[in-house]
């Protein structure tokens, strides 16, 4: 599964980015950094919900009609809404 490997690498990179954002927030207490943290967490949910290994772990063997067909799009919508909110706020 190349998609599963790529998704796991993305989760690892995003985890590192999230830890970095949290460290920046502890130093600056910037409200914009909170938005980046929220975006990263929601994007992490997106990556997990679209990972074939994660889907398989919950017992779904095919990619037909299962909750995981719409979950990634819902998480992407939420992440983009967070970004749009902070862009319009500043």
PDB file of N, CA and C in Angstrom:
ATOM      1  N   UNK A   1       0.813  -1.186   0.000  1.00  0.00           N
ATOM      2  CA  UNK A   1       0.000   0.000   0.000  1.00  0.00           C
ATOM      3  C   UNK A   1       0.856   1.248   0.000  1.00  0.00           C
ATOM      4  N   UNK A   2       1.158   1.807  -1.150  1.00  0.00           N
ATOM      5  CA  UNK A   2       1.920   3.064  -1.172  1.00  0.00           C
ATOM      6  C   UNK A   2       1.159   4.207  -0.500  1.00  0.00           C
ATOM      7  N   UNK A   3      -0.168   4.210  -0.638  1.00  0.00           N
ATOM      8  CA  UNK A   3      -0.971   5.265   0.002  1.00  0.00           C
ATOM      9  C   UNK A   3      -0.855   5.188   1.519  1.00  0.00           C
ATOM     10  N   UNK A   4      -0.822   4.000   2.073  1.00  0.00           N
ATOM     11  CA  UNK A   4      -0.703   3.836   3.525  1.00  0.00           C
ATOM     12  C   UNK A   4       0.655   4.321   4.017  1.00  0.00           C
ATOM     13  N   UNK A   5       1.699   4.001   3.293  1.00  0.00           N
ATOM     14  CA  UNK A   5       3.046   4.439   3.681  1.00  0.00           C
ATOM     15  C   UNK A   5       3.146   5.962   3.603  1.00  0.00           C
ATOM     16  N   UNK A   6       2.663   6.518   2.515  1.00  0.00           N
ATOM     17  CA  UNK A   6       2.698   7.970   2.348  1.00  0.00           C
ATOM     18  C   UNK A   6       1.871   8.671   3.426  1.00  0.00           C
ATOM     19  N   UNK A   7       0.728   8.105   3.748  1.00  0.00           N
ATOM     20  CA  UNK A   7      -0.115   8.685   4.790  1.00  0.00           C
ATOM     21  C   UNK A   7       0.575   8.625   6.154  1.00  0.00           C
ATOM     22  N   UNK A   8       1.267   7.544   6.447  1.00  0.00           N
ATOM     23  CA  UNK A   8       2.004   7.432   7.721  1.00  0.00           C
ATOM     24  C   UNK A   8       3.133   8.451   7.790  1.00  0.00           C
ATOM     25  N   UNK A   9       3.809   8.693   6.675  1.00  0.00           N
ATOM     26  CA  UNK A   9       4.867   9.710   6.640  1.00  0.00           C
ATOM     27  C   UNK A   9       4.256  11.094   6.869  1.00  0.00           C
ATOM     28  N   UNK A  10       3.117  11.349   6.260  1.00  0.00           N
ATOM     29  CA  UNK A  10       2.436  12.627   6.466  1.00  0.00           C
ATOM     30  C   UNK A  10       2.035  12.828   7.919  1.00  0.00           C
ATOM     31  N   UNK A  11       1.552  11.780   8.563  1.00  0.00           N
ATOM     32  CA  UNK A  11       1.175  11.867   9.979  1.00  0.00           C
ATOM     33  C   UNK A  11       2.407  12.173  10.823  1.00  0.00           C
ATOM     34  N   UNK A  12       3.529  11.537  10.516  1.00  0.00           N
ATOM     35  CA  UNK A  12       4.765  11.794  11.272  1.00  0.00           C
ATOM     36  C   UNK A  12       5.228  13.247  11.094  1.00  0.00           C
ATOM     37  N   UNK A  13       5.210  13.739   9.869  1.00  0.00           N
ATOM     38  CA  UNK A  13       5.612  15.121   9.621  1.00  0.00           C
ATOM     39  C   UNK A  13       4.666  16.111  10.293  1.00  0.00           C
ATOM     40  N   UNK A  14       3.384  15.836  10.219  1.00  0.00           N
ATOM     41  CA  UNK A  14       2.413  16.722  10.843  1.00  0.00           C
ATOM     42  C   UNK A  14       2.528  16.685  12.370  1.00  0.00           C
ATOM     43  N   UNK A  15       2.870  15.541  12.927  1.00  0.00           N
ATOM     44  CA  UNK A  15       3.086  15.452  14.376  1.00  0.00           C
ATOM     45  C   UNK A  15       4.248  16.339  14.799  1.00  0.00           C
ATOM     46  N   UNK A  16       5.322  16.301  14.034  1.00  0.00           N
ATOM     47  CA  UNK A  16       6.471  17.164  14.326  1.00  0.00           C
ATOM     48  C   UNK A  16       6.078  18.637  14.215  1.00  0.00           C
ATOM     49  N   UNK A  17       5.323  18.963  13.203  1.00  0.00           N
ATOM     50  CA  UNK A  17       4.855  20.339  13.014  1.00  0.00           C
ATOM     51  C   UNK A  17       3.951  20.781  14.163  1.00  0.00           C
ATOM     52  N   UNK A  18       3.073  19.895  14.612  1.00  0.00           N
ATOM     53  CA  UNK A  18       2.179  20.210  15.717  1.00  0.00           C
ATOM     54  C   UNK A  18       2.952  20.471  17.008  1.00  0.00           C
ATOM     55  N   UNK A  19       3.944  19.644  17.287  1.00  0.00           N
ATOM     56  CA  UNK A  19       4.778  19.853  18.479  1.00  0.00           C
ATOM     57  C   UNK A  19       5.511  21.191  18.382  1.00  0.00           C
ATOM     58  N   UNK A  20       5.965  21.546  17.193  1.00  0.00           N
ATOM     59  CA  UNK A  20       6.640  22.824  16.988  1.00  0.00           C
ATOM     60  C   UNK A  20       5.689  23.990  17.227  1.00  0.00           C
ATOM     61  N   UNK A  21       4.462  23.893  16.719  1.00  0.00           N
ATOM     62  CA  UNK A  21       3.480  24.948  16.939  1.00  0.00           C
ATOM     63  C   UNK A  21       3.145  25.109  18.425  1.00  0.00           C
ATOM     64  N   UNK A  22       3.036  24.005  19.125  1.00  0.00           N
ATOM     65  CA  UNK A  22       2.757  24.067  20.560  1.00  0.00           C
ATOM     66  C   UNK A  22       3.909  24.740  21.289  1.00  0.00           C
ATOM     67  N   UNK A  23       5.136  24.426  20.899  1.00  0.00           N
ATOM     68  CA  UNK A  23       6.304  25.064  21.506  1.00  0.00           C
ATOM     69  C   UNK A  23       6.319  26.573  21.228  1.00  0.00           C
ATOM     70  N   UNK A  24       5.980  26.954  20.008  1.00  0.00           N
ATOM     71  CA  UNK A  24       5.918  28.378  19.666  1.00  0.00           C
ATOM     72  C   UNK A  24       4.834  29.065  20.492  1.00  0.00           C
ATOM     73  N   UNK A  25       3.696  28.397  20.662  1.00  0.00           N
ATOM     74  CA  UNK A  25       2.619  29.006  21.443  1.00  0.00           C
ATOM     75  C   UNK A  25       3.041  29.210  22.902  1.00  0.00           C
ATOM     76  N   UNK A  26       3.754  28.258  23.465  1.00  0.00           N
ATOM     77  CA  UNK A  26       4.214  28.392  24.854  1.00  0.00           C
ATOM     78  C   UNK A  26       5.156  29.582  25.025  1.00  0.00           C
ATOM     79  N   UNK A  27       5.857  29.939  23.966  1.00  0.00           N
ATOM     80  CA  UNK A  27       6.798  31.059  24.036  1.00  0.00           C
ATOM     81  C   UNK A  27       6.139  32.401  23.743  1.00  0.00           C
ATOM     82  N   UNK A  28       5.129  32.412  22.874  1.00  0.00           N
ATOM     83  CA  UNK A  28       4.581  33.685  22.406  1.00  0.00           C
ATOM     84  C   UNK A  28       3.139  33.948  22.828  1.00  0.00           C
ATOM     85  N   UNK A  29       2.368  32.924  23.131  1.00  0.00           N
ATOM     86  CA  UNK A  29       0.939  33.035  23.437  1.00  0.00           C
ATOM     87  C   UNK A  29       0.177  33.763  22.332  1.00  0.00           C
ATOM     88  N   UNK A  30       0.552  33.493  21.099  1.00  0.00           N
ATOM     89  CA  UNK A  30      -0.077  34.126  19.947  1.00  0.00           C
ATOM     90  C   UNK A  30      -1.386  33.422  19.603  1.00  0.00           C
ATOM     91  N   UNK A  31      -2.417  34.222  19.368  1.00  0.00           N
ATOM     92  CA  UNK A  31      -3.709  33.660  19.004  1.00  0.00           C
ATOM     93  C   UNK A  31      -3.656  33.017  17.616  1.00  0.00           C
ATOM     94  N   UNK A  32      -2.836  33.546  16.743  1.00  0.00           N
ATOM     95  CA  UNK A  32      -2.672  32.968  15.409  1.00  0.00           C
ATOM     96  C   UNK A  32      -2.087  31.555  15.502  1.00  0.00           C
ATOM     97  N   UNK A  33      -1.192  31.337  16.460  1.00  0.00           N
ATOM     98  CA  UNK A  33      -0.596  30.011  16.638  1.00  0.00           C
ATOM     99  C   UNK A  33      -1.649  29.007  17.097  1.00  0.00           C
ATOM    100  N   UNK A  34      -2.632  29.473  17.869  1.00  0.00           N
ATOM    101  CA  UNK A  34      -3.727  28.584  18.254  1.00  0.00           C
ATOM    102  C   UNK A  34      -4.469  28.109  17.007  1.00  0.00           C
ATOM    103  N   UNK A  35      -4.661  29.002  16.050  1.00  0.00           N
ATOM    104  CA  UNK A  35      -5.295  28.614  14.790  1.00  0.00           C
ATOM    105  C   UNK A  35      -4.486  27.579  14.035  1.00  0.00           C
ATOM    106  N   UNK A  36      -3.166  27.736  14.042  1.00  0.00           N
ATOM    107  CA  UNK A  36      -2.312  26.746  13.374  1.00  0.00           C
ATOM    108  C   UNK A  36      -2.375  25.399  14.085  1.00  0.00           C
ATOM    109  N   UNK A  37      -2.460  25.436  15.411  1.00  0.00           N
ATOM    110  CA  UNK A  37      -2.578  24.189  16.177  1.00  0.00           C
ATOM    111  C   UNK A  37      -3.905  23.507  15.855  1.00  0.00           C
ATOM    112  N   UNK A  38      -4.997  24.281  15.843  1.00  0.00           N
ATOM    113  CA  UNK A  38      -6.305  23.710  15.492  1.00  0.00           C
ATOM    114  C   UNK A  38      -6.304  23.133  14.079  1.00  0.00           C
ATOM    115  N   UNK A  39      -5.731  23.876  13.154  1.00  0.00           N
ATOM    116  CA  UNK A  39      -5.630  23.397  11.773  1.00  0.00           C
ATOM    117  C   UNK A  39      -4.857  22.080  11.716  1.00  0.00           C
ATOM    118  N   UNK A  40      -3.743  22.006  12.432  1.00  0.00           N
ATOM    119  CA  UNK A  40      -2.920  20.798  12.416  1.00  0.00           C
ATOM    120  C   UNK A  40      -3.648  19.605  13.008  1.00  0.00           C
ATOM    121  N   UNK A  41      -4.378  19.823  14.094  1.00  0.00           N
ATOM    122  CA  UNK A  41      -5.117  18.724  14.723  1.00  0.00           C
ATOM    123  C   UNK A  41      -6.220  18.220  13.787  1.00  0.00           C
ATOM    124  N   UNK A  42      -6.959  19.137  13.184  1.00  0.00           N
ATOM    125  CA  UNK A  42      -8.028  18.729  12.270  1.00  0.00           C
ATOM    126  C   UNK A  42      -7.442  18.047  11.036  1.00  0.00           C
ATOM    127  N   UNK A  43      -6.338  18.562  10.539  1.00  0.00           N
ATOM    128  CA  UNK A  43      -5.690  17.934   9.376  1.00  0.00           C
ATOM    129  C   UNK A  43      -5.164  16.548   9.742  1.00  0.00           C
ATOM    130  N   UNK A  44      -4.735  16.365  11.001  1.00  0.00           N
ATOM    131  CA  UNK A  44      -4.297  15.043  11.468  1.00  0.00           C
ATOM    132  C   UNK A  44      -5.479  14.068  11.424  1.00  0.00           C
ATOM    133  N   UNK A  45      -6.656  14.521  11.855  1.00  0.00           N
ATOM    134  CA  UNK A  45      -7.850  13.675  11.762  1.00  0.00           C
ATOM    135  C   UNK A  45      -8.146  13.318  10.311  1.00  0.00           C
ATOM    136  N   UNK A  46      -7.972  14.284   9.418  1.00  0.00           N
ATOM    137  CA  UNK A  46      -8.172  14.026   7.986  1.00  0.00           C
ATOM    138  C   UNK A  46      -7.222  12.929   7.497  1.00  0.00           C
ATOM    139  N   UNK A  47      -5.953  13.061   7.848  1.00  0.00           N
ATOM    140  CA  UNK A  47      -4.978  12.074   7.405  1.00  0.00           C
ATOM    141  C   UNK A  47      -5.273  10.689   7.966  1.00  0.00           C
ATOM    142  N   UNK A  48      -5.670  10.635   9.221  1.00  0.00           N
ATOM    143  CA  UNK A  48      -5.989   9.342   9.822  1.00  0.00           C
ATOM    144  C   UNK A  48      -7.239   8.723   9.197  1.00  0.00           C
ATOM    145  N   UNK A  49      -8.243   9.545   8.951  1.00  0.00           N
ATOM    146  CA  UNK A  49      -9.493   9.031   8.380  1.00  0.00           C
ATOM    147  C   UNK A  49      -9.320   8.563   6.939  1.00  0.00           C
ATOM    148  N   UNK A  50      -8.327   9.062   6.250  1.00  0.00           N
ATOM    149  CA  UNK A  50      -8.113   8.639   4.861  1.00  0.00           C
ATOM    150  C   UNK A  50      -7.015   7.584   4.723  1.00  0.00           C
ATOM    151  N   UNK A  51      -6.403   7.190   5.817  1.00  0.00           N
ATOM    152  CA  UNK A  51      -5.337   6.183   5.797  1.00  0.00           C
ATOM    153  C   UNK A  51      -5.958   4.787   5.677  1.00  0.00           C
ATOM    154  N   UNK A  52      -5.566   4.003   4.667  1.00  0.00           N
ATOM    155  CA  UNK A  52      -6.140   2.661   4.490  1.00  0.00           C
ATOM    156  C   UNK A  52      -5.910   1.750   5.695  1.00  0.00           C
ATOM    157  N   UNK A  53      -4.789   1.895   6.382  1.00  0.00           N
ATOM    158  CA  UNK A  53      -4.535   1.065   7.555  1.00  0.00           C
ATOM    159  C   UNK A  53      -5.498   1.395   8.694  1.00  0.00           C
ATOM    160  N   UNK A  54      -5.814   2.651   8.853  1.00  0.00           N
ATOM    161  CA  UNK A  54      -6.758   3.093   9.878  1.00  0.00           C
ATOM    162  C   UNK A  54      -8.153   2.573   9.563  1.00  0.00           C
ATOM    163  N   UNK A  55      -8.547   2.646   8.302  1.00  0.00           N
ATOM    164  CA  UNK A  55      -9.857   2.146   7.875  1.00  0.00           C
ATOM    165  C   UNK A  55      -9.935   0.638   8.116  1.00  0.00           C
ATOM    166  N   UNK A  56      -8.880  -0.067   7.758  1.00  0.00           N
ATOM    167  CA  UNK A  56      -8.827  -1.511   7.946  1.00  0.00           C
ATOM    168  C   UNK A  56      -8.886  -1.876   9.432  1.00  0.00           C
ATOM    169  N   UNK A  57      -8.259  -1.065  10.296  1.00  0.00           N
ATOM    170  CA  UNK A  57      -8.253  -1.336  11.737  1.00  0.00           C
ATOM    171  C   UNK A  57      -9.661  -1.270  12.331  1.00  0.00           C
ATOM    172  N   UNK A  58     -10.551  -0.503  11.714  1.00  0.00           N
ATOM    173  CA  UNK A  58     -11.918  -0.414  12.209  1.00  0.00           C
ATOM    174  C   UNK A  58     -12.843  -1.439  11.557  1.00  0.00           C
ATOM    175  N   UNK A  59     -12.282  -2.352  10.792  1.00  0.00           N
ATOM    176  CA  UNK A  59     -13.060  -3.459  10.264  1.00  0.00           C
ATOM    177  C   UNK A  59     -13.676  -3.257   8.905  1.00  0.00           C
ATOM    178  N   UNK A  60     -13.372  -2.162   8.232  1.00  0.00           N
ATOM    179  CA  UNK A  60     -13.911  -1.934   6.897  1.00  0.00           C
ATOM    180  C   UNK A  60     -12.902  -2.428   5.878  1.00  0.00           C
ATOM    181  N   UNK A  61     -13.305  -3.423   5.118  1.00  0.00           N
ATOM    182  CA  UNK A  61     -12.380  -4.049   4.173  1.00  0.00           C
ATOM    183  C   UNK A  61     -12.422  -3.407   2.790  1.00  0.00           C
ATOM    184  N   UNK A  62     -13.546  -2.879   2.419  1.00  0.00           N
ATOM    185  CA  UNK A  62     -13.650  -2.277   1.091  1.00  0.00           C
ATOM    186  C   UNK A  62     -13.840  -0.776   1.246  1.00  0.00           C
ATOM    187  N   UNK A  63     -13.694  -0.090   0.167  1.00  0.00           N
ATOM    188  CA  UNK A  63     -13.844   1.362   0.173  1.00  0.00           C
ATOM    189  C   UNK A  63     -15.207   1.777  -0.363  1.00  0.00           C
ATOM    190  N   UNK A  64     -16.196   0.940  -0.157  1.00  0.00           N
ATOM    191  CA  UNK A  64     -17.544   1.263  -0.608  1.00  0.00           C
ATOM    192  C   UNK A  64     -18.184   2.266   0.323  1.00  0.00           C
ATOM    193  N   UNK A  65     -19.352   1.958   0.769  1.00  0.00           N
ATOM    194  CA  UNK A  65     -20.075   2.860   1.652  1.00  0.00           C
ATOM    195  C   UNK A  65     -19.700   2.554   3.100  1.00  0.00           C
ATOM    196  N   UNK A  66     -18.897   3.396   3.650  1.00  0.00           N
ATOM    197  CA  UNK A  66     -18.536   3.314   5.057  1.00  0.00           C
ATOM    198  C   UNK A  66     -18.341   4.736   5.559  1.00  0.00           C
ATOM    199  N   UNK A  67     -18.299   4.929   6.868  1.00  0.00           N
ATOM    200  CA  UNK A  67     -18.157   6.292   7.386  1.00  0.00           C
ATOM    201  C   UNK A  67     -16.892   6.996   6.896  1.00  0.00           C
ATOM    202  N   UNK A  68     -15.889   6.233   6.535  1.00  0.00           N
ATOM    203  CA  UNK A  68     -14.621   6.825   6.140  1.00  0.00           C
ATOM    204  C   UNK A  68     -14.647   7.432   4.745  1.00  0.00           C
ATOM    205  N   UNK A  69     -15.732   7.245   4.005  1.00  0.00           N
ATOM    206  CA  UNK A  69     -15.807   7.866   2.683  1.00  0.00           C
ATOM    207  C   UNK A  69     -16.092   9.358   2.779  1.00  0.00           C
ATOM    208  N   UNK A  70     -16.784   9.797   3.833  1.00  0.00           N
ATOM    209  CA  UNK A  70     -17.122  11.212   3.967  1.00  0.00           C
ATOM    210  C   UNK A  70     -16.301  11.915   5.050  1.00  0.00           C
ATOM    211  N   UNK A  71     -15.773  11.173   6.009  1.00  0.00           N
ATOM    212  CA  UNK A  71     -15.028  11.792   7.102  1.00  0.00           C
ATOM    213  C   UNK A  71     -13.853  12.651   6.641  1.00  0.00           C
ATOM    214  N   UNK A  72     -13.020  12.204   5.714  1.00  0.00           N
ATOM    215  CA  UNK A  72     -11.908  13.075   5.294  1.00  0.00           C
ATOM    216  C   UNK A  72     -12.381  14.419   4.749  1.00  0.00           C
ATOM    217  N   UNK A  73     -13.476  14.419   4.008  1.00  0.00           N
ATOM    218  CA  UNK A  73     -13.989  15.677   3.463  1.00  0.00           C
ATOM    219  C   UNK A  73     -14.534  16.587   4.560  1.00  0.00           C
ATOM    220  N   UNK A  74     -15.143  16.009   5.578  1.00  0.00           N
ATOM    221  CA  UNK A  74     -15.633  16.808   6.698  1.00  0.00           C
ATOM    222  C   UNK A  74     -14.462  17.445   7.441  1.00  0.00           C
ATOM    223  N   UNK A  75     -13.398  16.677   7.667  1.00  0.00           N
ATOM    224  CA  UNK A  75     -12.227  17.218   8.351  1.00  0.00           C
ATOM    225  C   UNK A  75     -11.532  18.278   7.503  1.00  0.00           C
ATOM    226  N   UNK A  76     -11.475  18.073   6.194  1.00  0.00           N
ATOM    227  CA  UNK A  76     -10.882  19.082   5.315  1.00  0.00           C
ATOM    228  C   UNK A  76     -11.692  20.378   5.366  1.00  0.00           C
ATOM    229  N   UNK A  77     -13.009  20.269   5.377  1.00  0.00           N
ATOM    230  CA  UNK A  77     -13.869  21.440   5.486  1.00  0.00           C
ATOM    231  C   UNK A  77     -13.610  22.196   6.794  1.00  0.00           C
ATOM    232  N   UNK A  78     -13.494  21.462   7.885  1.00  0.00           N
ATOM    233  CA  UNK A  78     -13.240  22.104   9.177  1.00  0.00           C
ATOM    234  C   UNK A  78     -11.874  22.779   9.199  1.00  0.00           C
ATOM    235  N   UNK A  79     -10.865  22.122   8.666  1.00  0.00           N
ATOM    236  CA  UNK A  79      -9.519  22.703   8.641  1.00  0.00           C
ATOM    237  C   UNK A  79      -9.485  23.969   7.791  1.00  0.00           C
ATOM    238  N   UNK A  80     -10.135  23.938   6.654  1.00  0.00           N
ATOM    239  CA  UNK A  80     -10.172  25.121   5.796  1.00  0.00           C
ATOM    240  C   UNK A  80     -10.979  26.249   6.432  1.00  0.00           C
ATOM    241  N   UNK A  81     -12.010  25.897   7.177  1.00  0.00           N
ATOM    242  CA  UNK A  81     -12.790  26.923   7.875  1.00  0.00           C
ATOM    243  C   UNK A  81     -11.945  27.621   8.937  1.00  0.00           C
ATOM    244  N   UNK A  82     -11.102  26.871   9.635  1.00  0.00           N
ATOM    245  CA  UNK A  82     -10.199  27.467  10.627  1.00  0.00           C
ATOM    246  C   UNK A  82      -9.236  28.430   9.942  1.00  0.00           C
ATOM    247  N   UNK A  83      -8.646  28.003   8.839  1.00  0.00           N
ATOM    248  CA  UNK A  83      -7.723  28.880   8.111  1.00  0.00           C
ATOM    249  C   UNK A  83      -8.432  30.137   7.605  1.00  0.00           C
ATOM    250  N   UNK A  84      -9.610  29.974   7.040  1.00  0.00           N
ATOM    251  CA  UNK A  84     -10.351  31.119   6.536  1.00  0.00           C
ATOM    252  C   UNK A  84     -10.703  32.095   7.656  1.00  0.00           C
ATOM    253  N   UNK A  85     -11.103  31.582   8.800  1.00  0.00           N
ATOM    254  CA  UNK A  85     -11.419  32.434   9.953  1.00  0.00           C
ATOM    255  C   UNK A  85     -10.222  33.283  10.343  1.00  0.00           C
ATOM    256  N   UNK A  86      -9.053  32.672  10.442  1.00  0.00           N
ATOM    257  CA  UNK A  86      -7.870  33.425  10.862  1.00  0.00           C
ATOM    258  C   UNK A  86      -7.371  34.370   9.782  1.00  0.00           C
ATOM    259  N   UNK A  87      -7.560  34.023   8.523  1.00  0.00           N
ATOM    260  CA  UNK A  87      -7.164  34.938   7.454  1.00  0.00           C
ATOM    261  C   UNK A  87      -8.056  36.166   7.460  1.00  0.00           C
ATOM    262  N   UNK A  88      -9.348  35.980   7.647  1.00  0.00           N
ATOM    263  CA  UNK A  88     -10.265  37.112   7.665  1.00  0.00           C
ATOM    264  C   UNK A  88     -10.138  37.934   8.944  1.00  0.00           C
ATOM    265  N   UNK A  89      -9.700  37.306  10.023  1.00  0.00           N
ATOM    266  CA  UNK A  89      -9.558  38.009  11.288  1.00  0.00           C
ATOM    267  C   UNK A  89      -8.358  38.956  11.270  1.00  0.00           C
ATOM    268  N   UNK A  90      -7.318  38.593  10.556  1.00  0.00           N
ATOM    269  CA  UNK A  90      -6.121  39.432  10.520  1.00  0.00           C
ATOM    270  C   UNK A  90      -6.124  40.228   9.252  1.00  0.00           C
TER     271      UNK A  90
END
